[in-house]
Amino acid sequence: MRTGPAIGLAVALDAALIVTFAALGRGSHSEALSVAGIAGTAWPFLAGAALGWGAAIGLRRRPPVDVTGGVVVWVWTIAGGMALRALTGQGTAFSFIVVASLVTGALLLGWRAIARGLARR
């Protein structure tokens, strides 16, 4: 298993992109862009992503820094995030699930695809 700064950077990048997703969503709905507001929107997805990292490492025996591992993180981010939102009385409208799935998919898989392309150069 790879260790070191690359893993930490990948975790931080996933977290930063999920927080960005939360901030963009709140901004598009004219909700407060306070730290507490963004954290309240982001935490279920961050928890889901943490579960995804654990699942990917458990299933694949390596960190999910490639696109295939990213799919595991993405699925858990959405499934876990929506489950936690439902359990805590936050919205899980179908349109939100679709938008959240598309945006987080683009973000979490996009950086991995870009990194793969750059590594092949």
PDB file of N, CA and C in Angstrom:
ATOM      1  N   MET A   1       0.834  -1.183   0.000  1.00  0.00           N
ATOM      2  CA  MET A   1       0.000   0.000   0.000  1.00  0.00           C
ATOM      3  C   MET A   1       0.875   1.240   0.000  1.00  0.00           C
ATOM      4  N   ARG A   2       0.522   2.185  -0.854  1.00  0.00           N
ATOM      5  CA  ARG A   2       1.263   3.443  -0.877  1.00  0.00           C
ATOM      6  C   ARG A   2       0.947   4.243   0.378  1.00  0.00           C
ATOM      7  N   THR A   3       1.938   4.948   0.879  1.00  0.00           N
ATOM      8  CA  THR A   3       1.736   5.780   2.057  1.00  0.00           C
ATOM      9  C   THR A   3       2.354   7.129   1.807  1.00  0.00           C
ATOM     10  N   GLY A   4       2.205   7.988   2.765  1.00  0.00           N
ATOM     11  CA  GLY A   4       2.885   9.255   2.701  1.00  0.00           C
ATOM     12  C   GLY A   4       2.027  10.395   2.207  1.00  0.00           C
ATOM     13  N   PRO A   5       2.696  11.432   1.737  1.00  0.00           N
ATOM     14  CA  PRO A   5       2.008  12.671   1.371  1.00  0.00           C
ATOM     15  C   PRO A   5       0.950  12.501   0.283  1.00  0.00           C
ATOM     16  N   ALA A   6       1.153  11.587  -0.653  1.00  0.00           N
ATOM     17  CA  ALA A   6       0.181  11.425  -1.732  1.00  0.00           C
ATOM     18  C   ALA A   6      -1.176  10.997  -1.196  1.00  0.00           C
ATOM     19  N   ILE A   7      -1.197  10.130  -0.203  1.00  0.00           N
ATOM     20  CA  ILE A   7      -2.449   9.676   0.392  1.00  0.00           C
ATOM     21  C   ILE A   7      -3.107  10.835   1.136  1.00  0.00           C
ATOM     22  N   GLY A   8      -2.335  11.526   1.924  1.00  0.00           N
ATOM     23  CA  GLY A   8      -2.867  12.678   2.657  1.00  0.00           C
ATOM     24  C   GLY A   8      -3.415  13.737   1.719  1.00  0.00           C
ATOM     25  N   LEU A   9      -2.726  13.975   0.619  1.00  0.00           N
ATOM     26  CA  LEU A   9      -3.186  14.938  -0.366  1.00  0.00           C
ATOM     27  C   LEU A   9      -4.494  14.483  -1.001  1.00  0.00           C
ATOM     28  N   ALA A  10      -4.604  13.193  -1.289  1.00  0.00           N
ATOM     29  CA  ALA A  10      -5.836  12.659  -1.893  1.00  0.00           C
ATOM     30  C   ALA A  10      -7.020  12.798  -0.943  1.00  0.00           C
ATOM     31  N   VAL A  11      -6.818  12.487   0.325  1.00  0.00           N
ATOM     32  CA  VAL A  11      -7.884  12.638   1.326  1.00  0.00           C
ATOM     33  C   VAL A  11      -8.284  14.109   1.437  1.00  0.00           C
ATOM     34  N   ALA A  12      -7.288  14.977   1.528  1.00  0.00           N
ATOM     35  CA  ALA A  12      -7.559  16.410   1.649  1.00  0.00           C
ATOM     36  C   ALA A  12      -8.279  16.955   0.415  1.00  0.00           C
ATOM     37  N   LEU A  13      -7.881  16.485  -0.754  1.00  0.00           N
ATOM     38  CA  LEU A  13      -8.521  16.934  -1.987  1.00  0.00           C
ATOM     39  C   LEU A  13      -9.978  16.486  -2.038  1.00  0.00           C
ATOM     40  N   ASP A  14     -10.244  15.233  -1.696  1.00  0.00           N
ATOM     41  CA  ASP A  14     -11.632  14.764  -1.638  1.00  0.00           C
ATOM     42  C   ASP A  14     -12.441  15.624  -0.674  1.00  0.00           C
ATOM     43  N   ALA A  15     -11.907  15.853   0.519  1.00  0.00           N
ATOM     44  CA  ALA A  15     -12.625  16.646   1.519  1.00  0.00           C
ATOM     45  C   ALA A  15     -12.863  18.074   1.027  1.00  0.00           C
ATOM     46  N   ALA A  16     -11.834  18.685   0.447  1.00  0.00           N
ATOM     47  CA  ALA A  16     -11.975  20.060  -0.053  1.00  0.00           C
ATOM     48  C   ALA A  16     -13.019  20.144  -1.160  1.00  0.00           C
ATOM     49  N   LEU A  17     -13.054  19.148  -2.020  1.00  0.00           N
ATOM     50  CA  LEU A  17     -14.027  19.158  -3.113  1.00  0.00           C
ATOM     51  C   LEU A  17     -15.447  18.931  -2.600  1.00  0.00           C
ATOM     52  N   ILE A  18     -15.610  18.121  -1.568  1.00  0.00           N
ATOM     53  CA  ILE A  18     -16.931  17.929  -0.971  1.00  0.00           C
ATOM     54  C   ILE A  18     -17.391  19.212  -0.287  1.00  0.00           C
ATOM     55  N   VAL A  19     -16.499  19.887   0.404  1.00  0.00           N
ATOM     56  CA  VAL A  19     -16.841  21.169   1.024  1.00  0.00           C
ATOM     57  C   VAL A  19     -17.180  22.195  -0.057  1.00  0.00           C
ATOM     58  N   THR A  20     -16.446  22.184  -1.161  1.00  0.00           N
ATOM     59  CA  THR A  20     -16.744  23.076  -2.284  1.00  0.00           C
ATOM     60  C   THR A  20     -18.132  22.791  -2.838  1.00  0.00           C
ATOM     61  N   PHE A  21     -18.469  21.521  -3.011  1.00  0.00           N
ATOM     62  CA  PHE A  21     -19.802  21.125  -3.452  1.00  0.00           C
ATOM     63  C   PHE A  21     -20.865  21.697  -2.513  1.00  0.00           C
ATOM     64  N   ALA A  22     -20.654  21.554  -1.210  1.00  0.00           N
ATOM     65  CA  ALA A  22     -21.616  22.063  -0.227  1.00  0.00           C
ATOM     66  C   ALA A  22     -21.753  23.583  -0.330  1.00  0.00           C
ATOM     67  N   ALA A  23     -20.632  24.273  -0.464  1.00  0.00           N
ATOM     68  CA  ALA A  23     -20.668  25.737  -0.569  1.00  0.00           C
ATOM     69  C   ALA A  23     -21.365  26.187  -1.847  1.00  0.00           C
ATOM     70  N   LEU A  24     -21.060  25.529  -2.952  1.00  0.00           N
ATOM     71  CA  LEU A  24     -21.710  25.880  -4.222  1.00  0.00           C
ATOM     72  C   LEU A  24     -23.216  25.640  -4.148  1.00  0.00           C
ATOM     73  N   GLY A  25     -23.608  24.542  -3.559  1.00  0.00           N
ATOM     74  CA  GLY A  25     -25.023  24.239  -3.413  1.00  0.00           C
ATOM     75  C   GLY A  25     -25.732  25.259  -2.551  1.00  0.00           C
ATOM     76  N   ARG A  26     -25.131  25.610  -1.447  1.00  0.00           N
ATOM     77  CA  ARG A  26     -25.738  26.613  -0.567  1.00  0.00           C
ATOM     78  C   ARG A  26     -25.819  27.958  -1.278  1.00  0.00           C
ATOM     79  N   GLY A  27     -24.768  28.308  -1.997  1.00  0.00           N
ATOM     80  CA  GLY A  27     -24.777  29.580  -2.717  1.00  0.00           C
ATOM     81  C   GLY A  27     -25.838  29.624  -3.797  1.00  0.00           C
ATOM     82  N   SER A  28     -26.032  28.508  -4.494  1.00  0.00           N
ATOM     83  CA  SER A  28     -27.018  28.485  -5.573  1.00  0.00           C
ATOM     84  C   SER A  28     -28.442  28.572  -5.048  1.00  0.00           C
ATOM     85  N   HIS A  29     -28.634  28.296  -3.767  1.00  0.00           N
ATOM     86  CA  HIS A  29     -29.959  28.390  -3.150  1.00  0.00           C
ATOM     87  C   HIS A  29     -30.054  29.590  -2.212  1.00  0.00           C
ATOM     88  N   SER A  30     -29.117  30.508  -2.338  1.00  0.00           N
ATOM     89  CA  SER A  30     -29.088  31.729  -1.526  1.00  0.00           C
ATOM     90  C   SER A  30     -29.110  31.431  -0.028  1.00  0.00           C
ATOM     91  N   GLU A  31     -28.458  30.350   0.371  1.00  0.00           N
ATOM     92  CA  GLU A  31     -28.332  30.039   1.786  1.00  0.00           C
ATOM     93  C   GLU A  31     -27.030  30.634   2.309  1.00  0.00           C
ATOM     94  N   ALA A  32     -26.962  30.807   3.605  1.00  0.00           N
ATOM     95  CA  ALA A  32     -25.787  31.420   4.222  1.00  0.00           C
ATOM     96  C   ALA A  32     -24.524  30.633   3.904  1.00  0.00           C
ATOM     97  N   LEU A  33     -23.475  31.356   3.554  1.00  0.00           N
ATOM     98  CA  LEU A  33     -22.185  30.733   3.278  1.00  0.00           C
ATOM     99  C   LEU A  33     -21.266  30.829   4.498  1.00  0.00           C
ATOM    100  N   SER A  34     -21.864  30.682   5.679  1.00  0.00           N
ATOM    101  CA  SER A  34     -21.089  30.688   6.914  1.00  0.00           C
ATOM    102  C   SER A  34     -20.379  29.345   7.078  1.00  0.00           C
ATOM    103  N   VAL A  35     -19.367  29.342   7.920  1.00  0.00           N
ATOM    104  CA  VAL A  35     -18.651  28.104   8.190  1.00  0.00           C
ATOM    105  C   VAL A  35     -19.616  27.059   8.747  1.00  0.00           C
ATOM    106  N   ALA A  36     -20.476  27.463   9.679  1.00  0.00           N
ATOM    107  CA  ALA A  36     -21.428  26.523  10.274  1.00  0.00           C
ATOM    108  C   ALA A  36     -22.410  26.000   9.230  1.00  0.00           C
ATOM    109  N   GLY A  37     -22.888  26.853   8.356  1.00  0.00           N
ATOM    110  CA  GLY A  37     -23.831  26.428   7.328  1.00  0.00           C
ATOM    111  C   GLY A  37     -23.211  25.447   6.347  1.00  0.00           C
ATOM    112  N   ILE A  38     -22.013  25.772   5.896  1.00  0.00           N
ATOM    113  CA  ILE A  38     -21.323  24.878   4.956  1.00  0.00           C
ATOM    114  C   ILE A  38     -20.991  23.555   5.640  1.00  0.00           C
ATOM    115  N   ALA A  39     -20.526  23.620   6.878  1.00  0.00           N
ATOM    116  CA  ALA A  39     -20.211  22.392   7.620  1.00  0.00           C
ATOM    117  C   ALA A  39     -21.461  21.538   7.810  1.00  0.00           C
ATOM    118  N   GLY A  40     -22.595  22.173   8.082  1.00  0.00           N
ATOM    119  CA  GLY A  40     -23.841  21.443   8.267  1.00  0.00           C
ATOM    120  C   GLY A  40     -24.290  20.720   7.009  1.00  0.00           C
ATOM    121  N   THR A  41     -23.992  21.308   5.866  1.00  0.00           N
ATOM    122  CA  THR A  41     -24.332  20.669   4.596  1.00  0.00           C
ATOM    123  C   THR A  41     -23.304  19.608   4.220  1.00  0.00           C
ATOM    124  N   ALA A  42     -22.048  19.857   4.499  1.00  0.00           N
ATOM    125  CA  ALA A  42     -20.968  18.971   4.054  1.00  0.00           C
ATOM    126  C   ALA A  42     -20.789  17.724   4.907  1.00  0.00           C
ATOM    127  N   TRP A  43     -21.050  17.798   6.213  1.00  0.00           N
ATOM    128  CA  TRP A  43     -20.650  16.696   7.096  1.00  0.00           C
ATOM    129  C   TRP A  43     -21.211  15.337   6.699  1.00  0.00           C
ATOM    130  N   PRO A  44     -22.483  15.230   6.264  1.00  0.00           N
ATOM    131  CA  PRO A  44     -22.944  13.872   5.915  1.00  0.00           C
ATOM    132  C   PRO A  44     -22.157  13.275   4.744  1.00  0.00           C
ATOM    133  N   PHE A  45     -21.786  14.127   3.792  1.00  0.00           N
ATOM    134  CA  PHE A  45     -21.034  13.659   2.632  1.00  0.00           C
ATOM    135  C   PHE A  45     -19.580  13.365   2.991  1.00  0.00           C
ATOM    136  N   LEU A  46     -19.019  14.150   3.892  1.00  0.00           N
ATOM    137  CA  LEU A  46     -17.663  13.870   4.369  1.00  0.00           C
ATOM    138  C   LEU A  46     -17.629  12.533   5.119  1.00  0.00           C
ATOM    139  N   ALA A  47     -18.657  12.277   5.925  1.00  0.00           N
ATOM    140  CA  ALA A  47     -18.733  10.993   6.633  1.00  0.00           C
ATOM    141  C   ALA A  47     -18.878   9.845   5.638  1.00  0.00           C
ATOM    142  N   GLY A  48     -19.717  10.036   4.618  1.00  0.00           N
ATOM    143  CA  GLY A  48     -19.874   9.014   3.584  1.00  0.00           C
ATOM    144  C   GLY A  48     -18.568   8.754   2.852  1.00  0.00           C
ATOM    145  N   ALA A  49     -17.836   9.824   2.551  1.00  0.00           N
ATOM    146  CA  ALA A  49     -16.546   9.673   1.868  1.00  0.00           C
ATOM    147  C   ALA A  49     -15.549   8.920   2.749  1.00  0.00           C
ATOM    148  N   ALA A  50     -15.559   9.202   4.046  1.00  0.00           N
ATOM    149  CA  ALA A  50     -14.665   8.480   4.959  1.00  0.00           C
ATOM    150  C   ALA A  50     -14.992   6.988   4.946  1.00  0.00           C
ATOM    151  N   LEU A  51     -16.283   6.658   4.946  1.00  0.00           N
ATOM    152  CA  LEU A  51     -16.682   5.256   4.838  1.00  0.00           C
ATOM    153  C   LEU A  51     -16.219   4.670   3.503  1.00  0.00           C
ATOM    154  N   GLY A  52     -16.314   5.477   2.451  1.00  0.00           N
ATOM    155  CA  GLY A  52     -15.872   5.029   1.130  1.00  0.00           C
ATOM    156  C   GLY A  52     -14.380   4.743   1.088  1.00  0.00           C
ATOM    157  N   TRP A  53     -13.593   5.608   1.709  1.00  0.00           N
ATOM    158  CA  TRP A  53     -12.153   5.363   1.774  1.00  0.00           C
ATOM    159  C   TRP A  53     -11.881   4.050   2.500  1.00  0.00           C
ATOM    160  N   GLY A  54     -12.564   3.853   3.628  1.00  0.00           N
ATOM    161  CA  GLY A  54     -12.379   2.608   4.379  1.00  0.00           C
ATOM    162  C   GLY A  54     -12.793   1.384   3.577  1.00  0.00           C
ATOM    163  N   ALA A  55     -13.930   1.494   2.891  1.00  0.00           N
ATOM    164  CA  ALA A  55     -14.414   0.369   2.079  1.00  0.00           C
ATOM    165  C   ALA A  55     -13.455   0.078   0.932  1.00  0.00           C
ATOM    166  N   ALA A  56     -12.977   1.119   0.278  1.00  0.00           N
ATOM    167  CA  ALA A  56     -12.069   0.922  -0.859  1.00  0.00           C
ATOM    168  C   ALA A  56     -10.769   0.272  -0.411  1.00  0.00           C
ATOM    169  N   ILE A  57     -10.237   0.722   0.701  1.00  0.00           N
ATOM    170  CA  ILE A  57      -8.995   0.124   1.207  1.00  0.00           C
ATOM    171  C   ILE A  57      -9.253  -1.320   1.629  1.00  0.00           C
ATOM    172  N   GLY A  58     -10.388  -1.566   2.268  1.00  0.00           N
ATOM    173  CA  GLY A  58     -10.716  -2.919   2.698  1.00  0.00           C
ATOM    174  C   GLY A  58     -10.930  -3.867   1.530  1.00  0.00           C
ATOM    175  N   LEU A  59     -11.588  -3.397   0.492  1.00  0.00           N
ATOM    176  CA  LEU A  59     -11.884  -4.240  -0.666  1.00  0.00           C
ATOM    177  C   LEU A  59     -10.684  -4.420  -1.584  1.00  0.00           C
ATOM    178  N   ARG A  60      -9.935  -3.349  -1.783  1.00  0.00           N
ATOM    179  CA  ARG A  60      -8.885  -3.353  -2.796  1.00  0.00           C
ATOM    180  C   ARG A  60      -7.483  -3.443  -2.211  1.00  0.00           C
ATOM    181  N   ARG A  61      -7.357  -3.309  -0.911  1.00  0.00           N
ATOM    182  CA  ARG A  61      -6.058  -3.375  -0.226  1.00  0.00           C
ATOM    183  C   ARG A  61      -5.089  -2.286  -0.677  1.00  0.00           C
ATOM    184  N   ARG A  62      -5.665  -1.177  -1.163  1.00  0.00           N
ATOM    185  CA  ARG A  62      -4.835  -0.018  -1.515  1.00  0.00           C
ATOM    186  C   ARG A  62      -5.716   1.229  -1.462  1.00  0.00           C
ATOM    187  N   PRO A  63      -5.115   2.381  -1.292  1.00  0.00           N
ATOM    188  CA  PRO A  63      -5.881   3.620  -1.200  1.00  0.00           C
ATOM    189  C   PRO A  63      -6.608   3.929  -2.525  1.00  0.00           C
ATOM    190  N   PRO A  64      -7.772   4.536  -2.443  1.00  0.00           N
ATOM    191  CA  PRO A  64      -8.555   4.831  -3.642  1.00  0.00           C
ATOM    192  C   PRO A  64      -8.103   6.111  -4.344  1.00  0.00           C
ATOM    193  N   VAL A  65      -6.886   6.091  -4.849  1.00  0.00           N
ATOM    194  CA  VAL A  65      -6.363   7.278  -5.525  1.00  0.00           C
ATOM    195  C   VAL A  65      -6.512   7.188  -7.040  1.00  0.00           C
ATOM    196  N   ASP A  66      -6.998   6.059  -7.537  1.00  0.00           N
ATOM    197  CA  ASP A  66      -7.251   5.914  -8.965  1.00  0.00           C
ATOM    198  C   ASP A  66      -8.751   6.041  -9.224  1.00  0.00           C
ATOM    199  N   VAL A  67      -9.148   6.050 -10.482  1.00  0.00           N
ATOM    200  CA  VAL A  67     -10.556   6.251 -10.835  1.00  0.00           C
ATOM    201  C   VAL A  67     -11.417   5.103 -10.294  1.00  0.00           C
ATOM    202  N   THR A  68     -10.943   3.882 -10.396  1.00  0.00           N
ATOM    203  CA  THR A  68     -11.723   2.742  -9.901  1.00  0.00           C
ATOM    204  C   THR A  68     -11.979   2.868  -8.403  1.00  0.00           C
ATOM    205  N   GLY A  69     -10.968   3.186  -7.650  1.00  0.00           N
ATOM    206  CA  GLY A  69     -11.145   3.416  -6.214  1.00  0.00           C
ATOM    207  C   GLY A  69     -12.013   4.626  -5.952  1.00  0.00           C
ATOM    208  N   GLY A  70     -11.904   5.630  -6.819  1.00  0.00           N
ATOM    209  CA  GLY A  70     -12.731   6.822  -6.696  1.00  0.00           C
ATOM    210  C   GLY A  70     -14.209   6.526  -6.842  1.00  0.00           C
ATOM    211  N   VAL A  71     -14.547   5.550  -7.661  1.00  0.00           N
ATOM    212  CA  VAL A  71     -15.951   5.163  -7.811  1.00  0.00           C
ATOM    213  C   VAL A  71     -16.490   4.646  -6.477  1.00  0.00           C
ATOM    214  N   VAL A  72     -15.693   3.860  -5.773  1.00  0.00           N
ATOM    215  CA  VAL A  72     -16.118   3.353  -4.462  1.00  0.00           C
ATOM    216  C   VAL A  72     -16.344   4.520  -3.508  1.00  0.00           C
ATOM    217  N   VAL A  73     -15.409   5.452  -3.466  1.00  0.00           N
ATOM    218  CA  VAL A  73     -15.545   6.628  -2.600  1.00  0.00           C
ATOM    219  C   VAL A  73     -16.785   7.426  -2.987  1.00  0.00           C
ATOM    220  N   TRP A  74     -16.994   7.639  -4.265  1.00  0.00           N
ATOM    221  CA  TRP A  74     -18.139   8.421  -4.755  1.00  0.00           C
ATOM    222  C   TRP A  74     -19.469   7.771  -4.363  1.00  0.00           C
ATOM    223  N   VAL A  75     -19.596   6.470  -4.588  1.00  0.00           N
ATOM    224  CA  VAL A  75     -20.849   5.778  -4.260  1.00  0.00           C
ATOM    225  C   VAL A  75     -21.128   5.883  -2.763  1.00  0.00           C
ATOM    226  N   TRP A  76     -20.119   5.670  -1.947  1.00  0.00           N
ATOM    227  CA  TRP A  76     -20.300   5.783  -0.499  1.00  0.00           C
ATOM    228  C   TRP A  76     -20.575   7.223  -0.085  1.00  0.00           C
ATOM    229  N   THR A  77     -19.953   8.184  -0.753  1.00  0.00           N
ATOM    230  CA  THR A  77     -20.205   9.591  -0.437  1.00  0.00           C
ATOM    231  C   THR A  77     -21.678   9.906  -0.616  1.00  0.00           C
ATOM    232  N   ILE A  78     -22.253   9.496  -1.732  1.00  0.00           N
ATOM    233  CA  ILE A  78     -23.667   9.772  -2.000  1.00  0.00           C
ATOM    234  C   ILE A  78     -24.571   8.931  -1.105  1.00  0.00           C
ATOM    235  N   ALA A  79     -24.345   7.621  -1.069  1.00  0.00           N
ATOM    236  CA  ALA A  79     -25.220   6.745  -0.278  1.00  0.00           C
ATOM    237  C   ALA A  79     -25.163   7.100   1.209  1.00  0.00           C
ATOM    238  N   GLY A  80     -23.956   7.239   1.723  1.00  0.00           N
ATOM    239  CA  GLY A  80     -23.812   7.586   3.133  1.00  0.00           C
ATOM    240  C   GLY A  80     -24.315   8.983   3.430  1.00  0.00           C
ATOM    241  N   GLY A  81     -23.981   9.924   2.555  1.00  0.00           N
ATOM    242  CA  GLY A  81     -24.431  11.303   2.751  1.00  0.00           C
ATOM    243  C   GLY A  81     -25.942  11.422   2.751  1.00  0.00           C
ATOM    244  N   MET A  82     -26.595  10.772   1.812  1.00  0.00           N
ATOM    245  CA  MET A  82     -28.057  10.844   1.740  1.00  0.00           C
ATOM    246  C   MET A  82     -28.703  10.121   2.915  1.00  0.00           C
ATOM    247  N   ALA A  83     -28.140   9.002   3.314  1.00  0.00           N
ATOM    248  CA  ALA A  83     -28.684   8.284   4.473  1.00  0.00           C
ATOM    249  C   ALA A  83     -28.584   9.137   5.733  1.00  0.00           C
ATOM    250  N   LEU A  84     -27.433   9.760   5.935  1.00  0.00           N
ATOM    251  CA  LEU A  84     -27.262  10.612   7.118  1.00  0.00           C
ATOM    252  C   LEU A  84     -28.156  11.844   7.049  1.00  0.00           C
ATOM    253  N   ARG A  85     -28.320  12.413   5.855  1.00  0.00           N
ATOM    254  CA  ARG A  85     -29.235  13.554   5.712  1.00  0.00           C
ATOM    255  C   ARG A  85     -30.663  13.133   6.062  1.00  0.00           C
ATOM    256  N   ALA A  86     -31.076  11.973   5.604  1.00  0.00           N
ATOM    257  CA  ALA A  86     -32.430  11.491   5.901  1.00  0.00           C
ATOM    258  C   ALA A  86     -32.605  11.249   7.408  1.00  0.00           C
ATOM    259  N   LEU A  87     -31.594  10.646   8.029  1.00  0.00           N
ATOM    260  CA  LEU A  87     -31.670  10.353   9.462  1.00  0.00           C
ATOM    261  C   LEU A  87     -31.700  11.607  10.324  1.00  0.00           C
ATOM    262  N   THR A  88     -31.149  12.693   9.804  1.00  0.00           N
ATOM    263  CA  THR A  88     -31.085  13.939  10.580  1.00  0.00           C
ATOM    264  C   THR A  88     -32.104  14.974  10.113  1.00  0.00           C
ATOM    265  N   GLY A  89     -33.049  14.550   9.278  1.00  0.00           N
ATOM    266  CA  GLY A  89     -34.130  15.444   8.862  1.00  0.00           C
ATOM    267  C   GLY A  89     -33.755  16.464   7.803  1.00  0.00           C
ATOM    268  N   GLN A  90     -32.651  16.261   7.128  1.00  0.00           N
ATOM    269  CA  GLN A  90     -32.268  17.153   6.032  1.00  0.00           C
ATOM    270  C   GLN A  90     -32.879  16.625   4.737  1.00  0.00           C
ATOM    271  N   GLY A  91     -32.955  17.465   3.741  1.00  0.00           N
ATOM    272  CA  GLY A  91     -33.615  17.109   2.497  1.00  0.00           C
ATOM    273  C   GLY A  91     -32.897  16.048   1.676  1.00  0.00           C
ATOM    274  N   THR A  92     -33.697  15.190   1.057  1.00  0.00           N
ATOM    275  CA  THR A  92     -33.176  14.181   0.140  1.00  0.00           C
ATOM    276  C   THR A  92     -34.109  14.070  -1.068  1.00  0.00           C
ATOM    277  N   ALA A  93     -34.533  15.208  -1.572  1.00  0.00           N
ATOM    278  CA  ALA A  93     -35.404  15.204  -2.749  1.00  0.00           C
ATOM    279  C   ALA A  93     -34.695  14.534  -3.917  1.00  0.00           C
ATOM    280  N   PHE A  94     -35.466  13.902  -4.784  1.00  0.00           N
ATOM    281  CA  PHE A  94     -34.898  13.181  -5.920  1.00  0.00           C
ATOM    282  C   PHE A  94     -33.976  14.084  -6.747  1.00  0.00           C
ATOM    283  N   SER A  95     -34.416  15.312  -7.007  1.00  0.00           N
ATOM    284  CA  SER A  95     -33.585  16.218  -7.814  1.00  0.00           C
ATOM    285  C   SER A  95     -32.259  16.520  -7.117  1.00  0.00           C
ATOM    286  N   PHE A  96     -32.275  16.610  -5.793  1.00  0.00           N
ATOM    287  CA  PHE A  96     -31.037  16.840  -5.044  1.00  0.00           C
ATOM    288  C   PHE A  96     -30.111  15.636  -5.159  1.00  0.00           C
ATOM    289  N   ILE A  97     -30.678  14.444  -5.067  1.00  0.00           N
ATOM    290  CA  ILE A  97     -29.862  13.232  -5.199  1.00  0.00           C
ATOM    291  C   ILE A  97     -29.195  13.191  -6.572  1.00  0.00           C
ATOM    292  N   VAL A  98     -29.946  13.541  -7.611  1.00  0.00           N
ATOM    293  CA  VAL A  98     -29.390  13.534  -8.968  1.00  0.00           C
ATOM    294  C   VAL A  98     -28.264  14.549  -9.093  1.00  0.00           C
ATOM    295  N   VAL A  99     -28.531  15.788  -8.663  1.00  0.00           N
ATOM    296  CA  VAL A  99     -27.516  16.853  -8.788  1.00  0.00           C
ATOM    297  C   VAL A  99     -26.294  16.520  -7.935  1.00  0.00           C
ATOM    298  N   ALA A 100     -26.520  16.090  -6.707  1.00  0.00           N
ATOM    299  CA  ALA A 100     -25.399  15.751  -5.825  1.00  0.00           C
ATOM    300  C   ALA A 100     -24.565  14.612  -6.416  1.00  0.00           C
ATOM    301  N   SER A 101     -25.240  13.632  -6.995  1.00  0.00           N
ATOM    302  CA  SER A 101     -24.517  12.508  -7.608  1.00  0.00           C
ATOM    303  C   SER A 101     -23.669  12.973  -8.780  1.00  0.00           C
ATOM    304  N   LEU A 102     -24.242  13.799  -9.632  1.00  0.00           N
ATOM    305  CA  LEU A 102     -23.503  14.275 -10.812  1.00  0.00           C
ATOM    306  C   LEU A 102     -22.326  15.166 -10.419  1.00  0.00           C
ATOM    307  N   VAL A 103     -22.568  16.099  -9.519  1.00  0.00           N
ATOM    308  CA  VAL A 103     -21.508  17.045  -9.154  1.00  0.00           C
ATOM    309  C   VAL A 103     -20.388  16.354  -8.379  1.00  0.00           C
ATOM    310  N   THR A 104     -20.749  15.557  -7.378  1.00  0.00           N
ATOM    311  CA  THR A 104     -19.685  14.883  -6.628  1.00  0.00           C
ATOM    312  C   THR A 104     -18.955  13.861  -7.505  1.00  0.00           C
ATOM    313  N   GLY A 105     -19.672  13.226  -8.427  1.00  0.00           N
ATOM    314  CA  GLY A 105     -19.015  12.310  -9.356  1.00  0.00           C
ATOM    315  C   GLY A 105     -17.983  13.032 -10.201  1.00  0.00           C
ATOM    316  N   ALA A 106     -18.380  14.186 -10.748  1.00  0.00           N
ATOM    317  CA  ALA A 106     -17.441  14.965 -11.562  1.00  0.00           C
ATOM    318  C   ALA A 106     -16.231  15.400 -10.747  1.00  0.00           C
ATOM    319  N   LEU A 107     -16.462  15.813  -9.508  1.00  0.00           N
ATOM    320  CA  LEU A 107     -15.359  16.290  -8.672  1.00  0.00           C
ATOM    321  C   LEU A 107     -14.456  15.155  -8.198  1.00  0.00           C
ATOM    322  N   LEU A 108     -15.050  14.118  -7.625  1.00  0.00           N
ATOM    323  CA  LEU A 108     -14.243  13.040  -7.032  1.00  0.00           C
ATOM    324  C   LEU A 108     -13.577  12.147  -8.076  1.00  0.00           C
ATOM    325  N   LEU A 109     -14.229  11.964  -9.212  1.00  0.00           N
ATOM    326  CA  LEU A 109     -13.620  11.158 -10.270  1.00  0.00           C
ATOM    327  C   LEU A 109     -12.777  12.019 -11.200  1.00  0.00           C
ATOM    328  N   GLY A 110     -13.157  13.273 -11.346  1.00  0.00           N
ATOM    329  CA  GLY A 110     -12.447  14.171 -12.254  1.00  0.00           C
ATOM    330  C   GLY A 110     -10.993  14.374 -11.891  1.00  0.00           C
ATOM    331  N   TRP A 111     -10.713  14.647 -10.617  1.00  0.00           N
ATOM    332  CA  TRP A 111      -9.308  14.881 -10.253  1.00  0.00           C
ATOM    333  C   TRP A 111      -8.484  13.610 -10.429  1.00  0.00           C
ATOM    334  N   ARG A 112      -9.128  12.461 -10.201  1.00  0.00           N
ATOM    335  CA  ARG A 112      -8.404  11.199 -10.370  1.00  0.00           C
ATOM    336  C   ARG A 112      -8.094  10.944 -11.844  1.00  0.00           C
ATOM    337  N   ALA A 113      -9.034  11.252 -12.709  1.00  0.00           N
ATOM    338  CA  ALA A 113      -8.806  11.078 -14.151  1.00  0.00           C
ATOM    339  C   ALA A 113      -7.725  12.035 -14.646  1.00  0.00           C
ATOM    340  N   ILE A 114      -7.755  13.266 -14.159  1.00  0.00           N
ATOM    341  CA  ILE A 114      -6.719  14.234 -14.543  1.00  0.00           C
ATOM    342  C   ILE A 114      -5.351  13.761 -14.063  1.00  0.00           C
ATOM    343  N   ALA A 115      -5.283  13.296 -12.813  1.00  0.00           N
ATOM    344  CA  ALA A 115      -4.010  12.806 -12.271  1.00  0.00           C
ATOM    345  C   ALA A 115      -3.498  11.624 -13.084  1.00  0.00           C
ATOM    346  N   ARG A 116      -4.388  10.725 -13.478  1.00  0.00           N
ATOM    347  CA  ARG A 116      -3.983   9.577 -14.296  1.00  0.00           C
ATOM    348  C   ARG A 116      -3.429  10.041 -15.628  1.00  0.00           C
ATOM    349  N   GLY A 117      -4.105  11.004 -16.253  1.00  0.00           N
ATOM    350  CA  GLY A 117      -3.624  11.526 -17.534  1.00  0.00           C
ATOM    351  C   GLY A 117      -2.260  12.193 -17.409  1.00  0.00           C
ATOM    352  N   LEU A 118      -2.071  12.953 -16.344  1.00  0.00           N
ATOM    353  CA  LEU A 118      -0.777  13.608 -16.132  1.00  0.00           C
ATOM    354  C   LEU A 118       0.323  12.588 -15.848  1.00  0.00           C
ATOM    355  N   ALA A 119      -0.009  11.526 -15.114  1.00  0.00           N
ATOM    356  CA  ALA A 119       0.978  10.495 -14.800  1.00  0.00           C
ATOM    357  C   ALA A 119       1.433   9.739 -16.045  1.00  0.00           C
ATOM    358  N   ARG A 120       0.552   9.644 -17.031  1.00  0.00           N
ATOM    359  CA  ARG A 120       0.899   8.912 -18.253  1.00  0.00           C
ATOM    360  C   ARG A 120       1.802   9.721 -19.175  1.00  0.00           C
ATOM    361  N   ARG A 121       1.909  11.018 -18.939  1.00  0.00           N
ATOM    362  CA  ARG A 121       2.751  11.864 -19.787  1.00  0.00           C
ATOM    363  C   ARG A 121       4.190  11.567 -19.630  1.00  0.00           C
TER     364      ARG A 121
END
